Full PDB file with SEQRES, HELIX, SHEET, SSBOND, CRYST1, ORIGX, SCALE, CONECT and MASTER records, all heavy atoms in Angstrom:
SEQRES   1 A   36  TYR LEU ARG LEU ASN SER LEU PRO LYS LYS ILE PRO PRO          
SEQRES   2 A   36  VAL ASN TYR LEU ALA ILE ASN VAL SER LEU LEU PRO ASP          
SEQRES   3 A   36  PHE LEU TYR PHE PRO THR HIS ALA ARG TYR                      
HELIX    1 AA1 LEU A    2  ASN A    5  1                                   4    
HELIX    2 AA2 VAL A   21  LEU A   23  5                                   3    
HELIX    3 AA3 ASP A   26  LEU A   28  5                                   3    
CRYST1    1.000    1.000    1.000  90.00  90.00  90.00 P 1           1          
ORIGX1      1.000000  0.000000  0.000000        0.00000                         
ORIGX2      0.000000  1.000000  0.000000        0.00000                         
ORIGX3      0.000000  0.000000  1.000000        0.00000                         
SCALE1      1.000000  0.000000  0.000000        0.00000                         
SCALE2      0.000000  1.000000  0.000000        0.00000                         
SCALE3      0.000000  0.000000  1.000000        0.00000                         
ATOM      1  N   TYR A   1      22.444  -0.267  28.919  1.00  0.00           N  
ATOM      2  CA  TYR A   1      22.109   1.135  29.164  1.00  0.00           C  
ATOM      3  C   TYR A   1      21.321   1.711  27.987  1.00  0.00           C  
ATOM      4  O   TYR A   1      20.295   2.367  28.169  1.00  0.00           O  
ATOM      5  CB  TYR A   1      23.387   1.941  29.401  1.00  0.00           C  
ATOM      6  CG  TYR A   1      23.143   3.422  29.510  1.00  0.00           C  
ATOM      7  CD1 TYR A   1      22.654   3.982  30.673  1.00  0.00           C  
ATOM      8  CD2 TYR A   1      23.386   4.261  28.421  1.00  0.00           C  
ATOM      9  CE1 TYR A   1      22.413   5.340  30.769  1.00  0.00           C  
ATOM     10  CE2 TYR A   1      23.148   5.624  28.505  1.00  0.00           C  
ATOM     11  CZ  TYR A   1      22.658   6.156  29.678  1.00  0.00           C  
ATOM     12  OH  TYR A   1      22.416   7.502  29.764  1.00  0.00           O  
ATOM     13  N   LEU A   2      21.810   1.464  26.780  1.00  0.00           N  
ATOM     14  CA  LEU A   2      21.110   1.966  25.600  1.00  0.00           C  
ATOM     15  C   LEU A   2      19.731   1.345  25.458  1.00  0.00           C  
ATOM     16  O   LEU A   2      18.772   2.011  25.077  1.00  0.00           O  
ATOM     17  CB  LEU A   2      21.945   1.700  24.346  1.00  0.00           C  
ATOM     18  CG  LEU A   2      23.249   2.492  24.242  1.00  0.00           C  
ATOM     19  CD1 LEU A   2      24.036   2.025  23.034  1.00  0.00           C  
ATOM     20  CD2 LEU A   2      22.974   3.975  24.183  1.00  0.00           C  
ATOM     21  N   ARG A   3      19.622   0.081  25.767  1.00  0.00           N  
ATOM     22  CA  ARG A   3      18.337  -0.613  25.641  1.00  0.00           C  
ATOM     23  C   ARG A   3      17.322  -0.107  26.662  1.00  0.00           C  
ATOM     24  O   ARG A   3      16.162   0.110  26.351  1.00  0.00           O  
ATOM     25  CB  ARG A   3      18.548  -2.122  25.802  1.00  0.00           C  
ATOM     26  CG  ARG A   3      17.306  -2.950  25.931  1.00  0.00           C  
ATOM     27  CD  ARG A   3      16.485  -2.900  24.666  1.00  0.00           C  
ATOM     28  NE  ARG A   3      15.309  -3.712  24.768  1.00  0.00           N  
ATOM     29  CZ  ARG A   3      14.098  -3.248  25.080  1.00  0.00           C  
ATOM     30  NH1 ARG A   3      13.933  -1.984  25.330  1.00  0.00           N  
ATOM     31  NH2 ARG A   3      13.075  -4.056  25.147  1.00  0.00           N  
ATOM     32  N   LEU A   4      17.755   0.092  27.878  1.00  0.00           N  
ATOM     33  CA  LEU A   4      16.828   0.491  28.936  1.00  0.00           C  
ATOM     34  C   LEU A   4      16.470   1.976  28.872  1.00  0.00           C  
ATOM     35  O   LEU A   4      15.412   2.376  29.344  1.00  0.00           O  
ATOM     36  CB  LEU A   4      17.412   0.138  30.303  1.00  0.00           C  
ATOM     37  CG  LEU A   4      17.563  -1.367  30.579  1.00  0.00           C  
ATOM     38  CD1 LEU A   4      18.277  -1.585  31.901  1.00  0.00           C  
ATOM     39  CD2 LEU A   4      16.221  -2.060  30.560  1.00  0.00           C  
ATOM     40  N   ASN A   5      17.337   2.797  28.304  1.00  0.00           N  
ATOM     41  CA  ASN A   5      17.078   4.236  28.265  1.00  0.00           C  
ATOM     42  C   ASN A   5      16.519   4.721  26.939  1.00  0.00           C  
ATOM     43  O   ASN A   5      16.324   5.914  26.770  1.00  0.00           O  
ATOM     44  CB  ASN A   5      18.356   5.009  28.611  1.00  0.00           C  
ATOM     45  CG  ASN A   5      18.716   4.849  30.064  1.00  0.00           C  
ATOM     46  OD1 ASN A   5      17.852   4.665  30.903  1.00  0.00           O  
ATOM     47  ND2 ASN A   5      19.990   4.884  30.356  1.00  0.00           N  
ATOM     48  N   SER A   6      16.293   3.853  26.021  1.00  0.00           N  
ATOM     49  CA  SER A   6      15.690   4.279  24.756  1.00  0.00           C  
ATOM     50  C   SER A   6      14.204   3.942  24.785  1.00  0.00           C  
ATOM     51  O   SER A   6      13.801   2.851  25.181  1.00  0.00           O  
ATOM     52  CB  SER A   6      16.359   3.579  23.580  1.00  0.00           C  
ATOM     53  OG  SER A   6      16.141   2.197  23.655  1.00  0.00           O  
ATOM     54  N   LEU A   7      13.402   4.898  24.388  1.00  0.00           N  
ATOM     55  CA  LEU A   7      11.956   4.714  24.378  1.00  0.00           C  
ATOM     56  C   LEU A   7      11.505   4.336  22.975  1.00  0.00           C  
ATOM     57  O   LEU A   7      12.010   4.872  21.990  1.00  0.00           O  
ATOM     58  CB  LEU A   7      11.262   6.009  24.818  1.00  0.00           C  
ATOM     59  CG  LEU A   7      11.571   6.472  26.237  1.00  0.00           C  
ATOM     60  CD1 LEU A   7      10.943   7.828  26.474  1.00  0.00           C  
ATOM     61  CD2 LEU A   7      11.070   5.459  27.238  1.00  0.00           C  
ATOM     62  N   PRO A   8      10.550   3.454  22.882  1.00  0.00           N  
ATOM     63  CA  PRO A   8      10.044   3.112  21.550  1.00  0.00           C  
ATOM     64  C   PRO A   8       9.275   4.286  20.961  1.00  0.00           C  
ATOM     65  O   PRO A   8       8.579   5.025  21.669  1.00  0.00           O  
ATOM     66  CB  PRO A   8       9.132   1.914  21.797  1.00  0.00           C  
ATOM     67  CG  PRO A   8       8.809   1.953  23.245  1.00  0.00           C  
ATOM     68  CD  PRO A   8       9.933   2.664  23.928  1.00  0.00           C  
ATOM     69  N   LYS A   9       9.411   4.465  19.658  1.00  0.00           N  
ATOM     70  CA  LYS A   9       8.704   5.551  18.983  1.00  0.00           C  
ATOM     71  C   LYS A   9       7.286   5.105  18.664  1.00  0.00           C  
ATOM     72  O   LYS A   9       7.077   4.004  18.162  1.00  0.00           O  
ATOM     73  CB  LYS A   9       9.424   5.920  17.687  1.00  0.00           C  
ATOM     74  CG  LYS A   9      10.785   6.496  17.903  1.00  0.00           C  
ATOM     75  CD  LYS A   9      11.429   6.836  16.579  1.00  0.00           C  
ATOM     76  CE  LYS A   9      12.826   7.387  16.777  1.00  0.00           C  
ATOM     77  NZ  LYS A   9      13.478   7.667  15.493  1.00  0.00           N  
ATOM     78  N   LYS A  10       6.339   5.965  18.971  1.00  0.00           N  
ATOM     79  CA  LYS A  10       4.953   5.656  18.652  1.00  0.00           C  
ATOM     80  C   LYS A  10       4.633   6.263  17.296  1.00  0.00           C  
ATOM     81  O   LYS A  10       4.652   7.479  17.116  1.00  0.00           O  
ATOM     82  CB  LYS A  10       4.015   6.211  19.715  1.00  0.00           C  
ATOM     83  CG  LYS A  10       4.193   5.528  21.047  1.00  0.00           C  
ATOM     84  CD  LYS A  10       3.203   6.012  22.062  1.00  0.00           C  
ATOM     85  CE  LYS A  10       3.407   5.266  23.369  1.00  0.00           C  
ATOM     86  NZ  LYS A  10       2.455   5.698  24.380  1.00  0.00           N  
ATOM     87  N   ILE A  11       4.372   5.396  16.340  1.00  0.00           N  
ATOM     88  CA  ILE A  11       4.069   5.832  14.987  1.00  0.00           C  
ATOM     89  C   ILE A  11       2.576   5.653  14.766  1.00  0.00           C  
ATOM     90  O   ILE A  11       2.040   4.561  14.979  1.00  0.00           O  
ATOM     91  CB  ILE A  11       4.874   5.017  13.965  1.00  0.00           C  
ATOM     92  CG1 ILE A  11       6.369   5.211  14.225  1.00  0.00           C  
ATOM     93  CG2 ILE A  11       4.518   5.422  12.542  1.00  0.00           C  
ATOM     94  CD1 ILE A  11       7.259   4.342  13.388  1.00  0.00           C  
ATOM     95  N   PRO A  12       1.881   6.713  14.355  1.00  0.00           N  
ATOM     96  CA  PRO A  12       0.438   6.582  14.155  1.00  0.00           C  
ATOM     97  C   PRO A  12       0.142   5.685  12.952  1.00  0.00           C  
ATOM     98  O   PRO A  12       0.981   5.509  12.067  1.00  0.00           O  
ATOM     99  CB  PRO A  12      -0.009   8.025  13.892  1.00  0.00           C  
ATOM    100  CG  PRO A  12       1.207   8.707  13.377  1.00  0.00           C  
ATOM    101  CD  PRO A  12       2.369   8.051  14.045  1.00  0.00           C  
ATOM    102  N   PRO A  13      -1.048   5.122  12.909  1.00  0.00           N  
ATOM    103  CA  PRO A  13      -1.402   4.279  11.770  1.00  0.00           C  
ATOM    104  C   PRO A  13      -1.474   5.108  10.491  1.00  0.00           C  
ATOM    105  O   PRO A  13      -1.781   6.303  10.519  1.00  0.00           O  
ATOM    106  CB  PRO A  13      -2.776   3.720  12.137  1.00  0.00           C  
ATOM    107  CG  PRO A  13      -3.295   4.600  13.210  1.00  0.00           C  
ATOM    108  CD  PRO A  13      -2.108   5.200  13.904  1.00  0.00           C  
ATOM    109  N   VAL A  14      -1.180   4.455   9.393  1.00  0.00           N  
ATOM    110  CA  VAL A  14      -1.161   5.137   8.100  1.00  0.00           C  
ATOM    111  C   VAL A  14      -2.412   4.745   7.331  1.00  0.00           C  
ATOM    112  O   VAL A  14      -2.727   3.564   7.199  1.00  0.00           O  
ATOM    113  CB  VAL A  14       0.099   4.739   7.297  1.00  0.00           C  
ATOM    114  CG1 VAL A  14       0.096   5.398   5.942  1.00  0.00           C  
ATOM    115  CG2 VAL A  14       1.345   5.108   8.076  1.00  0.00           C  
ATOM    116  N   ASN A  15      -3.114   5.732   6.845  1.00  0.00           N  
ATOM    117  CA  ASN A  15      -4.286   5.488   6.006  1.00  0.00           C  
ATOM    118  C   ASN A  15      -3.927   5.860   4.570  1.00  0.00           C  
ATOM    119  O   ASN A  15      -3.651   7.020   4.275  1.00  0.00           O  
ATOM    120  CB  ASN A  15      -5.480   6.326   6.476  1.00  0.00           C  
ATOM    121  CG  ASN A  15      -5.947   5.885   7.841  1.00  0.00           C  
ATOM    122  OD1 ASN A  15      -5.950   4.708   8.149  1.00  0.00           O  
ATOM    123  ND2 ASN A  15      -6.330   6.846   8.667  1.00  0.00           N  
ATOM    124  N   TYR A  16      -3.930   4.880   3.711  1.00  0.00           N  
ATOM    125  CA  TYR A  16      -3.600   5.115   2.312  1.00  0.00           C  
ATOM    126  C   TYR A  16      -4.856   5.505   1.548  1.00  0.00           C  
ATOM    127  O   TYR A  16      -5.966   5.075   1.869  1.00  0.00           O  
ATOM    128  CB  TYR A  16      -2.977   3.858   1.697  1.00  0.00           C  
ATOM    129  CG  TYR A  16      -1.642   3.523   2.297  1.00  0.00           C  
ATOM    130  CD1 TYR A  16      -1.522   2.518   3.256  1.00  0.00           C  
ATOM    131  CD2 TYR A  16      -0.504   4.213   1.921  1.00  0.00           C  
ATOM    132  CE1 TYR A  16      -0.301   2.211   3.816  1.00  0.00           C  
ATOM    133  CE2 TYR A  16       0.720   3.914   2.474  1.00  0.00           C  
ATOM    134  CZ  TYR A  16       0.820   2.909   3.413  1.00  0.00           C  
ATOM    135  OH  TYR A  16       2.022   2.614   3.962  1.00  0.00           O  
ATOM    136  N   LEU A  17      -4.677   6.314   0.550  1.00  0.00           N  
ATOM    137  CA  LEU A  17      -5.796   6.731  -0.278  1.00  0.00           C  
ATOM    138  C   LEU A  17      -6.298   5.559  -1.114  1.00  0.00           C  
ATOM    139  O   LEU A  17      -5.523   4.704  -1.544  1.00  0.00           O  
ATOM    140  CB  LEU A  17      -5.366   7.874  -1.194  1.00  0.00           C  
ATOM    141  CG  LEU A  17      -4.914   9.157  -0.478  1.00  0.00           C  
ATOM    142  CD1 LEU A  17      -4.393  10.150  -1.496  1.00  0.00           C  
ATOM    143  CD2 LEU A  17      -6.060   9.744   0.315  1.00  0.00           C  
ATOM    144  N   ALA A  18      -7.600   5.555  -1.357  1.00  0.00           N  
ATOM    145  CA  ALA A  18      -8.187   4.503  -2.171  1.00  0.00           C  
ATOM    146  C   ALA A  18      -7.771   4.691  -3.627  1.00  0.00           C  
ATOM    147  O   ALA A  18      -7.670   5.814  -4.123  1.00  0.00           O  
ATOM    148  CB  ALA A  18      -9.700   4.517  -2.065  1.00  0.00           C  
ATOM    149  N   ILE A  19      -7.522   3.578  -4.298  1.00  0.00           N  
ATOM    150  CA  ILE A  19      -7.124   3.611  -5.700  1.00  0.00           C  
ATOM    151  C   ILE A  19      -8.209   2.921  -6.513  1.00  0.00           C  
ATOM    152  O   ILE A  19      -8.667   1.834  -6.153  1.00  0.00           O  
ATOM    153  CB  ILE A  19      -5.782   2.889  -5.901  1.00  0.00           C  
ATOM    154  CG1 ILE A  19      -4.687   3.602  -5.120  1.00  0.00           C  
ATOM    155  CG2 ILE A  19      -5.412   2.820  -7.368  1.00  0.00           C  
ATOM    156  CD1 ILE A  19      -3.357   2.899  -5.143  1.00  0.00           C  
ATOM    157  N   ASN A  20      -8.606   3.556  -7.576  1.00  0.00           N  
ATOM    158  CA  ASN A  20      -9.601   2.968  -8.451  1.00  0.00           C  
ATOM    159  C   ASN A  20      -8.945   1.840  -9.250  1.00  0.00           C  
ATOM    160  O   ASN A  20      -8.057   2.066 -10.063  1.00  0.00           O  
ATOM    161  CB  ASN A  20     -10.160   4.033  -9.405  1.00  0.00           C  
ATOM    162  CG  ASN A  20     -11.326   3.515 -10.198  1.00  0.00           C  
ATOM    163  OD1 ASN A  20     -11.687   2.349 -10.125  1.00  0.00           O  
ATOM    164  ND2 ASN A  20     -11.929   4.413 -10.982  1.00  0.00           N  
ATOM    165  N   VAL A  21      -9.392   0.616  -9.026  1.00  0.00           N  
ATOM    166  CA  VAL A  21      -8.778  -0.541  -9.661  1.00  0.00           C  
ATOM    167  C   VAL A  21      -9.154  -0.638 -11.136  1.00  0.00           C  
ATOM    168  O   VAL A  21      -8.456  -1.264 -11.916  1.00  0.00           O  
ATOM    169  CB  VAL A  21      -9.190  -1.838  -8.908  1.00  0.00           C  
ATOM    170  CG1 VAL A  21      -8.495  -3.039  -9.465  1.00  0.00           C  
ATOM    171  CG2 VAL A  21      -8.885  -1.699  -7.437  1.00  0.00           C  
ATOM    172  N   SER A  22     -10.224  -0.024 -11.519  1.00  0.00           N  
ATOM    173  CA  SER A  22     -10.618  -0.100 -12.924  1.00  0.00           C  
ATOM    174  C   SER A  22      -9.693   0.728 -13.816  1.00  0.00           C  
ATOM    175  O   SER A  22      -9.730   0.613 -15.030  1.00  0.00           O  
ATOM    176  CB  SER A  22     -12.066   0.369 -13.101  1.00  0.00           C  
ATOM    177  OG  SER A  22     -12.163   1.729 -12.732  1.00  0.00           O  
ATOM    178  N   LEU A  23      -8.850   1.541 -13.226  1.00  0.00           N  
ATOM    179  CA  LEU A  23      -7.922   2.359 -13.996  1.00  0.00           C  
ATOM    180  C   LEU A  23      -6.507   1.770 -13.990  1.00  0.00           C  
ATOM    181  O   LEU A  23      -5.527   2.477 -13.854  1.00  0.00           O  
ATOM    182  CB  LEU A  23      -7.877   3.785 -13.436  1.00  0.00           C  
ATOM    183  CG  LEU A  23      -9.208   4.528 -13.423  1.00  0.00           C  
ATOM    184  CD1 LEU A  23      -9.052   5.872 -12.751  1.00  0.00           C  
ATOM    185  CD2 LEU A  23      -9.715   4.696 -14.847  1.00  0.00           C  
ATOM    186  N   LEU A  24      -6.422   0.471 -14.136  1.00  0.00           N  
ATOM    187  CA  LEU A  24      -5.120  -0.183 -14.155  1.00  0.00           C  
ATOM    188  C   LEU A  24      -4.392   0.125 -15.452  1.00  0.00           C  
ATOM    189  O   LEU A  24      -5.012   0.410 -16.481  1.00  0.00           O  
ATOM    190  CB  LEU A  24      -5.292  -1.700 -14.032  1.00  0.00           C  
ATOM    191  CG  LEU A  24      -5.739  -2.207 -12.665  1.00  0.00           C  
ATOM    192  CD1 LEU A  24      -5.979  -3.703 -12.728  1.00  0.00           C  
ATOM    193  CD2 LEU A  24      -4.700  -1.902 -11.621  1.00  0.00           C  
ATOM    194  N   PRO A  25      -3.067   0.060 -15.452  1.00  0.00           N  
ATOM    195  CA  PRO A  25      -2.319   0.278 -16.685  1.00  0.00           C  
ATOM    196  C   PRO A  25      -2.644  -0.797 -17.724  1.00  0.00           C  
ATOM    197  O   PRO A  25      -3.092  -1.897 -17.399  1.00  0.00           O  
ATOM    198  CB  PRO A  25      -0.861   0.167 -16.249  1.00  0.00           C  
ATOM    199  CG  PRO A  25      -0.860   0.308 -14.783  1.00  0.00           C  
ATOM    200  CD  PRO A  25      -2.202  -0.102 -14.300  1.00  0.00           C  
ATOM    201  N   ASP A  26      -2.390  -0.468 -18.983  1.00  0.00           N  
ATOM    202  CA  ASP A  26      -2.739  -1.369 -20.077  1.00  0.00           C  
ATOM    203  C   ASP A  26      -1.997  -2.696 -20.011  1.00  0.00           C  
ATOM    204  O   ASP A  26      -2.517  -3.729 -20.443  1.00  0.00           O  
ATOM    205  CB  ASP A  26      -2.466  -0.689 -21.428  1.00  0.00           C  
ATOM    206  CG  ASP A  26      -3.428   0.452 -21.670  1.00  0.00           C  
ATOM    207  OD1 ASP A  26      -4.531   0.421 -21.079  1.00  0.00           O  
ATOM    208  OD2 ASP A  26      -3.069   1.363 -22.441  1.00  0.00           O  
ATOM    209  N   PHE A  27      -0.779  -2.724 -19.501  1.00  0.00           N  
ATOM    210  CA  PHE A  27      -0.022  -3.979 -19.504  1.00  0.00           C  
ATOM    211  C   PHE A  27      -0.575  -5.009 -18.515  1.00  0.00           C  
ATOM    212  O   PHE A  27      -0.203  -6.165 -18.552  1.00  0.00           O  
ATOM    213  CB  PHE A  27       1.467  -3.734 -19.227  1.00  0.00           C  
ATOM    214  CG  PHE A  27       1.765  -3.171 -17.862  1.00  0.00           C  
ATOM    215  CD1 PHE A  27       1.906  -3.992 -16.760  1.00  0.00           C  
ATOM    216  CD2 PHE A  27       1.909  -1.804 -17.696  1.00  0.00           C  
ATOM    217  CE1 PHE A  27       2.182  -3.470 -15.515  1.00  0.00           C  
ATOM    218  CE2 PHE A  27       2.194  -1.271 -16.455  1.00  0.00           C  
ATOM    219  CZ  PHE A  27       2.330  -2.105 -15.358  1.00  0.00           C  
ATOM    220  N   LEU A  28      -1.484  -4.598 -17.618  1.00  0.00           N  
ATOM    221  CA  LEU A  28      -2.093  -5.562 -16.711  1.00  0.00           C  
ATOM    222  C   LEU A  28      -3.346  -6.213 -17.296  1.00  0.00           C  
ATOM    223  O   LEU A  28      -3.875  -7.145 -16.715  1.00  0.00           O  
ATOM    224  CB  LEU A  28      -2.444  -4.886 -15.383  1.00  0.00           C  
ATOM    225  CG  LEU A  28      -1.244  -4.487 -14.521  1.00  0.00           C  
ATOM    226  CD1 LEU A  28      -1.712  -3.777 -13.271  1.00  0.00           C  
ATOM    227  CD2 LEU A  28      -0.407  -5.689 -14.160  1.00  0.00           C  
ATOM    228  N   TYR A  29      -3.824  -5.727 -18.409  1.00  0.00           N  
ATOM    229  CA  TYR A  29      -4.988  -6.326 -19.042  1.00  0.00           C  
ATOM    230  C   TYR A  29      -4.546  -7.402 -20.029  1.00  0.00           C  
ATOM    231  O   TYR A  29      -3.527  -7.249 -20.720  1.00  0.00           O  
ATOM    232  CB  TYR A  29      -5.810  -5.275 -19.817  1.00  0.00           C  
ATOM    233  CG  TYR A  29      -6.588  -4.341 -18.934  1.00  0.00           C  
ATOM    234  CD1 TYR A  29      -6.167  -3.035 -18.732  1.00  0.00           C  
ATOM    235  CD2 TYR A  29      -7.736  -4.766 -18.296  1.00  0.00           C  
ATOM    236  CE1 TYR A  29      -6.878  -2.179 -17.925  1.00  0.00           C  
ATOM    237  CE2 TYR A  29      -8.455  -3.920 -17.480  1.00  0.00           C  
ATOM    238  CZ  TYR A  29      -8.024  -2.628 -17.294  1.00  0.00           C  
ATOM    239  OH  TYR A  29      -8.725  -1.789 -16.488  1.00  0.00           O  
ATOM    240  N   PHE A  30      -5.279  -8.467 -20.075  1.00  0.00           N  
ATOM    241  CA  PHE A  30      -5.032  -9.483 -21.097  1.00  0.00           C  
ATOM    242  C   PHE A  30      -5.776  -9.062 -22.362  1.00  0.00           C  
ATOM    243  O   PHE A  30      -6.882  -8.543 -22.279  1.00  0.00           O  
ATOM    244  CB  PHE A  30      -5.518 -10.852 -20.612  1.00  0.00           C  
ATOM    245  CG  PHE A  30      -4.749 -11.366 -19.440  1.00  0.00           C  
ATOM    246  CD1 PHE A  30      -5.300 -11.349 -18.171  1.00  0.00           C  
ATOM    247  CD2 PHE A  30      -3.456 -11.823 -19.599  1.00  0.00           C  
ATOM    248  CE1 PHE A  30      -4.591 -11.807 -17.092  1.00  0.00           C  
ATOM    249  CE2 PHE A  30      -2.746 -12.283 -18.523  1.00  0.00           C  
ATOM    250  CZ  PHE A  30      -3.311 -12.277 -17.255  1.00  0.00           C  
ATOM    251  N   PRO A  31      -5.196  -9.290 -23.522  1.00  0.00           N  
ATOM    252  CA  PRO A  31      -5.840  -8.805 -24.741  1.00  0.00           C  
ATOM    253  C   PRO A  31      -7.188  -9.458 -25.017  1.00  0.00           C  
ATOM    254  O   PRO A  31      -8.052  -8.853 -25.637  1.00  0.00           O  
ATOM    255  CB  PRO A  31      -4.837  -9.133 -25.838  1.00  0.00           C  
ATOM    256  CG  PRO A  31      -3.828 -10.016 -25.246  1.00  0.00           C  
ATOM    257  CD  PRO A  31      -3.928  -9.920 -23.774  1.00  0.00           C  
ATOM    258  N   THR A  32      -7.411 -10.674 -24.528  1.00  0.00           N  
ATOM    259  CA  THR A  32      -8.661 -11.365 -24.838  1.00  0.00           C  
ATOM    260  C   THR A  32      -9.716 -11.152 -23.763  1.00  0.00           C  
ATOM    261  O   THR A  32     -10.877 -11.453 -23.986  1.00  0.00           O  
ATOM    262  CB  THR A  32      -8.414 -12.866 -25.007  1.00  0.00           C  
ATOM    263  OG1 THR A  32      -7.847 -13.370 -23.796  1.00  0.00           O  
ATOM    264  CG2 THR A  32      -7.475 -13.130 -26.172  1.00  0.00           C  
ATOM    265  N   HIS A  33      -9.356 -10.691 -22.585  1.00  0.00           N  
ATOM    266  CA  HIS A  33     -10.317 -10.555 -21.483  1.00  0.00           C  
ATOM    267  C   HIS A  33     -10.452  -9.086 -21.105  1.00  0.00           C  
ATOM    268  O   HIS A  33      -9.479  -8.387 -20.882  1.00  0.00           O  
ATOM    269  CB  HIS A  33      -9.861 -11.338 -20.255  1.00  0.00           C  
ATOM    270  CG  HIS A  33      -9.707 -12.805 -20.526  1.00  0.00           C  
ATOM    271  ND1 HIS A  33     -10.767 -13.629 -20.752  1.00  0.00           N  
ATOM    272  CD2 HIS A  33      -8.610 -13.585 -20.620  1.00  0.00           C  
ATOM    273  CE1 HIS A  33     -10.344 -14.856 -20.955  1.00  0.00           C  
ATOM    274  NE2 HIS A  33      -9.021 -14.854 -20.889  1.00  0.00           N  
ATOM    275  N   ALA A  34     -11.658  -8.614 -20.997  1.00  0.00           N  
ATOM    276  CA  ALA A  34     -11.903  -7.245 -20.566  1.00  0.00           C  
ATOM    277  C   ALA A  34     -12.255  -7.194 -19.088  1.00  0.00           C  
ATOM    278  O   ALA A  34     -12.278  -6.131 -18.502  1.00  0.00           O  
ATOM    279  CB  ALA A  34     -13.033  -6.649 -21.390  1.00  0.00           C  
ATOM    280  N   ARG A  35     -12.550  -8.363 -18.491  1.00  0.00           N  
ATOM    281  CA  ARG A  35     -12.932  -8.401 -17.084  1.00  0.00           C  
ATOM    282  C   ARG A  35     -11.845  -9.098 -16.277  1.00  0.00           C  
ATOM    283  O   ARG A  35     -11.059  -9.875 -16.796  1.00  0.00           O  
ATOM    284  CB  ARG A  35     -14.254  -9.164 -16.933  1.00  0.00           C  
ATOM    285  CG  ARG A  35     -15.392  -8.527 -17.724  1.00  0.00           C  
ATOM    286  CD  ARG A  35     -16.637  -9.348 -17.637  1.00  0.00           C  
ATOM    287  NE  ARG A  35     -17.150  -9.272 -16.269  1.00  0.00           N  
ATOM    288  CZ  ARG A  35     -18.103 -10.063 -15.801  1.00  0.00           C  
ATOM    289  NH1 ARG A  35     -18.642 -10.976 -16.574  1.00  0.00           N  
ATOM    290  NH2 ARG A  35     -18.530  -9.934 -14.580  1.00  0.00           N  
ATOM    291  N   TYR A  36     -11.824  -8.832 -14.970  1.00  0.00           N  
ATOM    292  CA  TYR A  36     -10.873  -9.494 -14.091  1.00  0.00           C  
ATOM    293  C   TYR A  36     -11.318 -10.922 -13.843  1.00  0.00           C  
ATOM    294  O   TYR A  36     -12.503 -11.239 -13.850  1.00  0.00           O  
ATOM    295  CB  TYR A  36     -10.793  -8.768 -12.738  1.00  0.00           C  
ATOM    296  CG  TYR A  36     -10.326  -7.354 -12.853  1.00  0.00           C  
ATOM    297  CD1 TYR A  36     -11.200  -6.303 -12.606  1.00  0.00           C  
ATOM    298  CD2 TYR A  36      -9.025  -7.076 -13.196  1.00  0.00           C  
ATOM    299  CE1 TYR A  36     -10.780  -5.001 -12.702  1.00  0.00           C  
ATOM    300  CE2 TYR A  36      -8.602  -5.766 -13.307  1.00  0.00           C  
ATOM    301  CZ  TYR A  36      -9.472  -4.741 -13.057  1.00  0.00           C  
ATOM    302  OH  TYR A  36      -9.061  -3.450 -13.159  1.00  0.00           O  
TER     303      TYR A  36                                                      
MASTER        0    0    0    3    0    0    0    6  302    1    0    3          
END                                                                             
């Protein structure tokens, strides 16, 4: 009864904001390399 009478929820797609990758935190940079 619960399975047949429950309707699936329609969730709209989520669009995440773009993140500038060049602004990574300092701990993600290697001390000898400035480029990825």
